Amino acid sequence: MSEPKRLQDGPERTIDVQRKARRDFLLIAVVVVVACVAVLTDPDKVFEWVAQHKEVLVDEFLVAVVFIGTGFALFSWRRWTDLSRITDRARWCAIRRAENIAARACSC
């Protein structure tokens, strides 16, 4: 039984996955925090600006929410696929270990 091609990566792959997850999460968190700080520091100023600029519809806020939701969805999907690869590798390694133990037990 040979290891599937997509599972032929070692512990460095796990570290890479963790690094990518941390980077993605921090990027999304920074964008969300900056947006929240911009709105929450002086909400009256934001509402005055929206009132003065009728061409900017409040619906754009909803679009921003959709973009943030999409960002979190992509983040979740990437983490899910990375974790699926890791669990597939762990499952494959467990099967190989069990096969090796069984082979040693039968050869006695």
N, C-alpha and C. Protein backbone atom coordinates (compact mmCIF):
# COMPACT_ATOMS: atom_id res chain seq x y z
N MET A 1 0.86 -1.18 0.00
CA MET A 1 0.00 0.00 0.00
C MET A 1 0.89 1.23 0.00
N SER A 2 0.84 2.00 -1.06
CA SER A 2 1.69 3.19 -1.14
C SER A 2 0.90 4.42 -0.70
N GLU A 3 1.63 5.37 -0.19
CA GLU A 3 1.02 6.59 0.31
C GLU A 3 0.48 7.42 -0.85
N PRO A 4 -0.77 7.92 -0.75
CA PRO A 4 -1.30 8.77 -1.82
C PRO A 4 -0.41 10.00 -2.02
N LYS A 5 -0.36 10.48 -3.26
CA LYS A 5 0.52 11.60 -3.62
C LYS A 5 0.25 12.83 -2.77
N ARG A 6 -1.03 13.16 -2.53
CA ARG A 6 -1.33 14.39 -1.80
C ARG A 6 -1.00 14.30 -0.32
N LEU A 7 -0.69 13.10 0.16
CA LEU A 7 -0.39 12.94 1.58
C LEU A 7 1.11 12.84 1.85
N GLN A 8 1.93 13.01 0.83
CA GLN A 8 3.37 12.82 0.99
C GLN A 8 4.05 14.07 1.52
N ASP A 9 3.52 14.62 2.59
CA ASP A 9 4.18 15.74 3.21
C ASP A 9 4.28 15.48 4.71
N GLY A 10 5.28 16.04 5.31
CA GLY A 10 5.57 15.71 6.69
C GLY A 10 5.19 16.80 7.68
N PRO A 11 5.89 16.81 8.81
CA PRO A 11 5.59 17.78 9.87
C PRO A 11 5.74 19.23 9.41
N GLU A 12 6.63 19.47 8.43
CA GLU A 12 6.78 20.85 7.95
C GLU A 12 5.50 21.34 7.30
N ARG A 13 4.72 20.44 6.74
CA ARG A 13 3.42 20.81 6.15
C ARG A 13 2.47 21.28 7.25
N THR A 14 2.49 20.63 8.40
CA THR A 14 1.63 21.03 9.51
C THR A 14 2.01 22.42 9.99
N ILE A 15 3.30 22.69 10.08
CA ILE A 15 3.76 24.02 10.50
C ILE A 15 3.34 25.06 9.47
N ASP A 16 3.45 24.72 8.17
CA ASP A 16 3.04 25.63 7.11
C ASP A 16 1.55 25.92 7.19
N VAL A 17 0.76 24.90 7.46
CA VAL A 17 -0.69 25.08 7.59
C VAL A 17 -1.00 26.00 8.76
N GLN A 18 -0.33 25.79 9.86
CA GLN A 18 -0.56 26.64 11.03
C GLN A 18 -0.17 28.08 10.72
N ARG A 19 0.93 28.27 10.03
CA ARG A 19 1.38 29.62 9.68
C ARG A 19 0.36 30.30 8.77
N LYS A 20 -0.14 29.57 7.76
CA LYS A 20 -1.13 30.15 6.85
C LYS A 20 -2.43 30.46 7.58
N ALA A 21 -2.83 29.58 8.49
CA ALA A 21 -4.06 29.82 9.24
C ALA A 21 -3.92 31.07 10.10
N ARG A 22 -2.79 31.20 10.77
CA ARG A 22 -2.56 32.36 11.63
C ARG A 22 -2.54 33.64 10.79
N ARG A 23 -1.87 33.61 9.63
CA ARG A 23 -1.80 34.78 8.76
C ARG A 23 -3.19 35.18 8.25
N ASP A 24 -3.96 34.20 7.80
CA ASP A 24 -5.31 34.49 7.30
C ASP A 24 -6.19 35.07 8.40
N PHE A 25 -6.13 34.46 9.56
CA PHE A 25 -6.96 34.94 10.67
C PHE A 25 -6.58 36.36 11.07
N LEU A 26 -5.29 36.63 11.16
CA LEU A 26 -4.84 37.97 11.55
C LEU A 26 -5.25 39.01 10.51
N LEU A 27 -5.15 38.67 9.24
CA LEU A 27 -5.55 39.60 8.19
C LEU A 27 -7.03 39.94 8.29
N ILE A 28 -7.86 38.93 8.45
CA ILE A 28 -9.30 39.16 8.57
C ILE A 28 -9.60 39.95 9.84
N ALA A 29 -8.94 39.59 10.94
CA ALA A 29 -9.18 40.30 12.21
C ALA A 29 -8.78 41.77 12.10
N VAL A 30 -7.67 42.06 11.45
CA VAL A 30 -7.24 43.45 11.30
C VAL A 30 -8.25 44.24 10.49
N VAL A 31 -8.74 43.67 9.40
CA VAL A 31 -9.73 44.37 8.58
C VAL A 31 -11.00 44.64 9.38
N VAL A 32 -11.46 43.66 10.12
CA VAL A 32 -12.67 43.83 10.92
C VAL A 32 -12.46 44.86 12.03
N VAL A 33 -11.33 44.80 12.70
CA VAL A 33 -11.05 45.76 13.79
C VAL A 33 -10.95 47.18 13.24
N VAL A 34 -10.25 47.36 12.13
CA VAL A 34 -10.13 48.70 11.54
C VAL A 34 -11.51 49.24 11.16
N ALA A 35 -12.33 48.41 10.55
CA ALA A 35 -13.68 48.85 10.18
C ALA A 35 -14.50 49.20 11.41
N CYS A 36 -14.43 48.38 12.44
CA CYS A 36 -15.19 48.65 13.67
C CYS A 36 -14.71 49.91 14.36
N VAL A 37 -13.41 50.09 14.44
CA VAL A 37 -12.86 51.29 15.09
C VAL A 37 -13.26 52.53 14.31
N ALA A 38 -13.21 52.44 12.99
CA ALA A 38 -13.57 53.59 12.16
C ALA A 38 -15.02 54.01 12.39
N VAL A 39 -15.89 53.04 12.56
CA VAL A 39 -17.31 53.36 12.75
C VAL A 39 -17.62 53.69 14.20
N LEU A 40 -17.04 52.96 15.13
CA LEU A 40 -17.41 53.11 16.53
C LEU A 40 -16.73 54.27 17.25
N THR A 41 -15.62 54.78 16.74
CA THR A 41 -14.96 55.89 17.42
C THR A 41 -15.83 57.14 17.40
N ASP A 42 -16.46 57.38 16.28
CA ASP A 42 -17.35 58.55 16.18
C ASP A 42 -18.50 58.22 15.24
N PRO A 43 -19.51 57.49 15.75
CA PRO A 43 -20.60 57.08 14.86
C PRO A 43 -21.39 58.27 14.30
N ASP A 44 -21.47 59.37 15.07
CA ASP A 44 -22.19 60.54 14.55
C ASP A 44 -21.53 61.08 13.30
N LYS A 45 -20.21 61.10 13.31
CA LYS A 45 -19.49 61.59 12.14
C LYS A 45 -19.77 60.71 10.93
N VAL A 46 -19.83 59.41 11.15
CA VAL A 46 -20.12 58.48 10.06
C VAL A 46 -21.53 58.73 9.52
N PHE A 47 -22.50 58.88 10.43
CA PHE A 47 -23.88 59.11 9.99
C PHE A 47 -24.04 60.46 9.31
N GLU A 48 -23.32 61.48 9.80
CA GLU A 48 -23.36 62.79 9.14
C GLU A 48 -22.79 62.68 7.73
N TRP A 49 -21.70 61.95 7.59
CA TRP A 49 -21.09 61.79 6.28
C TRP A 49 -22.05 61.08 5.33
N VAL A 50 -22.71 60.05 5.83
CA VAL A 50 -23.68 59.31 4.99
C VAL A 50 -24.83 60.22 4.60
N ALA A 51 -25.30 61.06 5.56
CA ALA A 51 -26.41 61.97 5.26
C ALA A 51 -26.00 63.02 4.23
N GLN A 52 -24.77 63.50 4.28
CA GLN A 52 -24.30 64.51 3.34
C GLN A 52 -24.03 63.93 1.95
N HIS A 53 -23.75 62.68 1.88
CA HIS A 53 -23.44 62.04 0.61
C HIS A 53 -24.55 61.04 0.27
N LYS A 54 -25.60 61.54 -0.31
CA LYS A 54 -26.75 60.69 -0.64
C LYS A 54 -26.39 59.63 -1.67
N GLU A 55 -25.37 59.91 -2.47
CA GLU A 55 -25.00 58.93 -3.50
C GLU A 55 -24.43 57.66 -2.89
N VAL A 56 -23.93 57.77 -1.65
CA VAL A 56 -23.41 56.59 -0.95
C VAL A 56 -24.57 56.00 -0.14
N LEU A 57 -25.03 54.89 -0.58
CA LEU A 57 -26.18 54.27 0.08
C LEU A 57 -25.73 53.44 1.27
N VAL A 58 -26.59 53.36 2.26
CA VAL A 58 -26.30 52.56 3.45
C VAL A 58 -26.20 51.09 3.06
N ASP A 59 -26.75 50.74 1.92
CA ASP A 59 -26.65 49.38 1.45
C ASP A 59 -25.20 48.94 1.28
N GLU A 60 -24.31 49.90 1.11
CA GLU A 60 -22.90 49.56 0.98
C GLU A 60 -22.38 48.93 2.26
N PHE A 61 -22.97 49.30 3.38
CA PHE A 61 -22.61 48.66 4.64
C PHE A 61 -22.93 47.17 4.56
N LEU A 62 -24.08 46.87 4.01
CA LEU A 62 -24.46 45.46 3.86
C LEU A 62 -23.51 44.74 2.91
N VAL A 63 -23.05 45.44 1.90
CA VAL A 63 -22.08 44.84 0.99
C VAL A 63 -20.78 44.55 1.75
N ALA A 64 -20.38 45.47 2.61
CA ALA A 64 -19.18 45.24 3.42
C ALA A 64 -19.36 44.02 4.32
N VAL A 65 -20.55 43.89 4.88
CA VAL A 65 -20.83 42.72 5.73
C VAL A 65 -20.73 41.44 4.90
N VAL A 66 -21.23 41.48 3.69
CA VAL A 66 -21.15 40.32 2.80
C VAL A 66 -19.69 39.99 2.49
N PHE A 67 -18.87 41.02 2.22
CA PHE A 67 -17.45 40.78 1.95
C PHE A 67 -16.75 40.18 3.15
N ILE A 68 -17.05 40.69 4.34
CA ILE A 68 -16.43 40.13 5.54
C ILE A 68 -16.90 38.68 5.74
N GLY A 69 -18.18 38.43 5.52
CA GLY A 69 -18.70 37.07 5.62
C GLY A 69 -18.03 36.14 4.62
N THR A 70 -17.82 36.65 3.41
CA THR A 70 -17.14 35.86 2.39
C THR A 70 -15.70 35.57 2.81
N GLY A 71 -15.05 36.56 3.40
CA GLY A 71 -13.69 36.35 3.89
C GLY A 71 -13.64 35.26 4.94
N PHE A 72 -14.57 35.30 5.88
CA PHE A 72 -14.60 34.25 6.90
C PHE A 72 -14.96 32.90 6.30
N ALA A 73 -15.83 32.89 5.30
CA ALA A 73 -16.17 31.62 4.64
C ALA A 73 -14.95 31.03 3.94
N LEU A 74 -14.18 31.86 3.24
CA LEU A 74 -12.97 31.38 2.58
C LEU A 74 -11.95 30.89 3.60
N PHE A 75 -11.81 31.64 4.68
CA PHE A 75 -10.91 31.23 5.76
C PHE A 75 -11.31 29.86 6.30
N SER A 76 -12.59 29.69 6.55
CA SER A 76 -13.10 28.42 7.08
C SER A 76 -12.88 27.28 6.10
N TRP A 77 -13.15 27.55 4.82
CA TRP A 77 -12.97 26.51 3.81
C TRP A 77 -11.51 26.09 3.71
N ARG A 78 -10.59 27.07 3.72
CA ARG A 78 -9.16 26.72 3.64
C ARG A 78 -8.71 25.92 4.85
N ARG A 79 -9.16 26.30 6.02
CA ARG A 79 -8.80 25.55 7.23
C ARG A 79 -9.37 24.14 7.16
N TRP A 80 -10.61 24.01 6.69
CA TRP A 80 -11.24 22.71 6.59
C TRP A 80 -10.47 21.80 5.65
N THR A 81 -10.06 22.33 4.48
CA THR A 81 -9.32 21.50 3.53
C THR A 81 -7.94 21.14 4.08
N ASP A 82 -7.28 22.09 4.72
CA ASP A 82 -5.97 21.78 5.31
C ASP A 82 -6.08 20.74 6.41
N LEU A 83 -7.08 20.88 7.26
CA LEU A 83 -7.27 19.91 8.34
C LEU A 83 -7.69 18.55 7.80
N SER A 84 -8.43 18.54 6.72
CA SER A 84 -8.81 17.27 6.09
C SER A 84 -7.56 16.53 5.60
N ARG A 85 -6.63 17.27 5.00
CA ARG A 85 -5.38 16.65 4.56
C ARG A 85 -4.59 16.09 5.74
N ILE A 86 -4.55 16.85 6.82
CA ILE A 86 -3.80 16.41 7.99
C ILE A 86 -4.44 15.16 8.59
N THR A 87 -5.76 15.14 8.70
CA THR A 87 -6.43 13.96 9.28
C THR A 87 -6.31 12.76 8.34
N ASP A 88 -6.33 13.00 7.01
CA ASP A 88 -6.12 11.90 6.07
C ASP A 88 -4.74 11.29 6.27
N ARG A 89 -3.74 12.15 6.43
CA ARG A 89 -2.37 11.66 6.66
C ARG A 89 -2.29 10.89 7.97
N ALA A 90 -2.91 11.42 9.02
CA ALA A 90 -2.87 10.73 10.31
C ALA A 90 -3.58 9.37 10.21
N ARG A 91 -4.68 9.32 9.49
CA ARG A 91 -5.41 8.06 9.30
C ARG A 91 -4.54 7.07 8.53
N TRP A 92 -3.88 7.55 7.47
CA TRP A 92 -3.02 6.69 6.67
C TRP A 92 -1.87 6.14 7.52
N CYS A 93 -1.26 7.03 8.33
CA CYS A 93 -0.16 6.59 9.20
C CYS A 93 -0.64 5.56 10.22
N ALA A 94 -1.82 5.76 10.76
CA ALA A 94 -2.36 4.81 11.75
C ALA A 94 -2.60 3.44 11.10
N ILE A 95 -3.10 3.44 9.88
CA ILE A 95 -3.34 2.18 9.17
C ILE A 95 -2.01 1.47 8.90
N ARG A 96 -1.00 2.25 8.46
CA ARG A 96 0.32 1.65 8.20
C ARG A 96 0.91 1.07 9.48
N ARG A 97 0.78 1.79 10.60
CA ARG A 97 1.30 1.29 11.87
C ARG A 97 0.59 0.01 12.26
N ALA A 98 -0.73 -0.02 12.10
CA ALA A 98 -1.51 -1.22 12.45
C ALA A 98 -1.11 -2.40 11.55
N GLU A 99 -0.89 -2.13 10.26
CA GLU A 99 -0.46 -3.19 9.35
C GLU A 99 0.92 -3.71 9.75
N ASN A 100 1.83 -2.82 10.13
CA ASN A 100 3.17 -3.25 10.54
C ASN A 100 3.11 -4.08 11.83
N ILE A 101 2.28 -3.65 12.78
CA ILE A 101 2.13 -4.40 14.03
C ILE A 101 1.53 -5.77 13.74
N ALA A 102 0.52 -5.82 12.87
CA ALA A 102 -0.12 -7.09 12.53
C ALA A 102 0.86 -8.01 11.82
N ALA A 103 1.68 -7.45 10.94
CA ALA A 103 2.66 -8.26 10.20
C ALA A 103 3.69 -8.84 11.16
N ARG A 104 4.13 -8.06 12.13
CA ARG A 104 5.10 -8.56 13.11
C ARG A 104 4.47 -9.61 14.00
N ALA A 105 3.21 -9.44 14.34
CA ALA A 105 2.53 -10.41 15.21
C ALA A 105 2.34 -11.75 14.49
N CYS A 106 2.07 -11.70 13.20
CA CYS A 106 1.86 -12.95 12.44
C CYS A 106 3.16 -13.68 12.14
N SER A 107 4.27 -12.97 12.11
CA SER A 107 5.54 -13.61 11.75
C SER A 107 6.20 -14.30 12.93
N CYS A 108 5.61 -14.25 14.11
CA CYS A 108 6.24 -14.87 15.29
C CYS A 108 6.17 -16.35 15.28
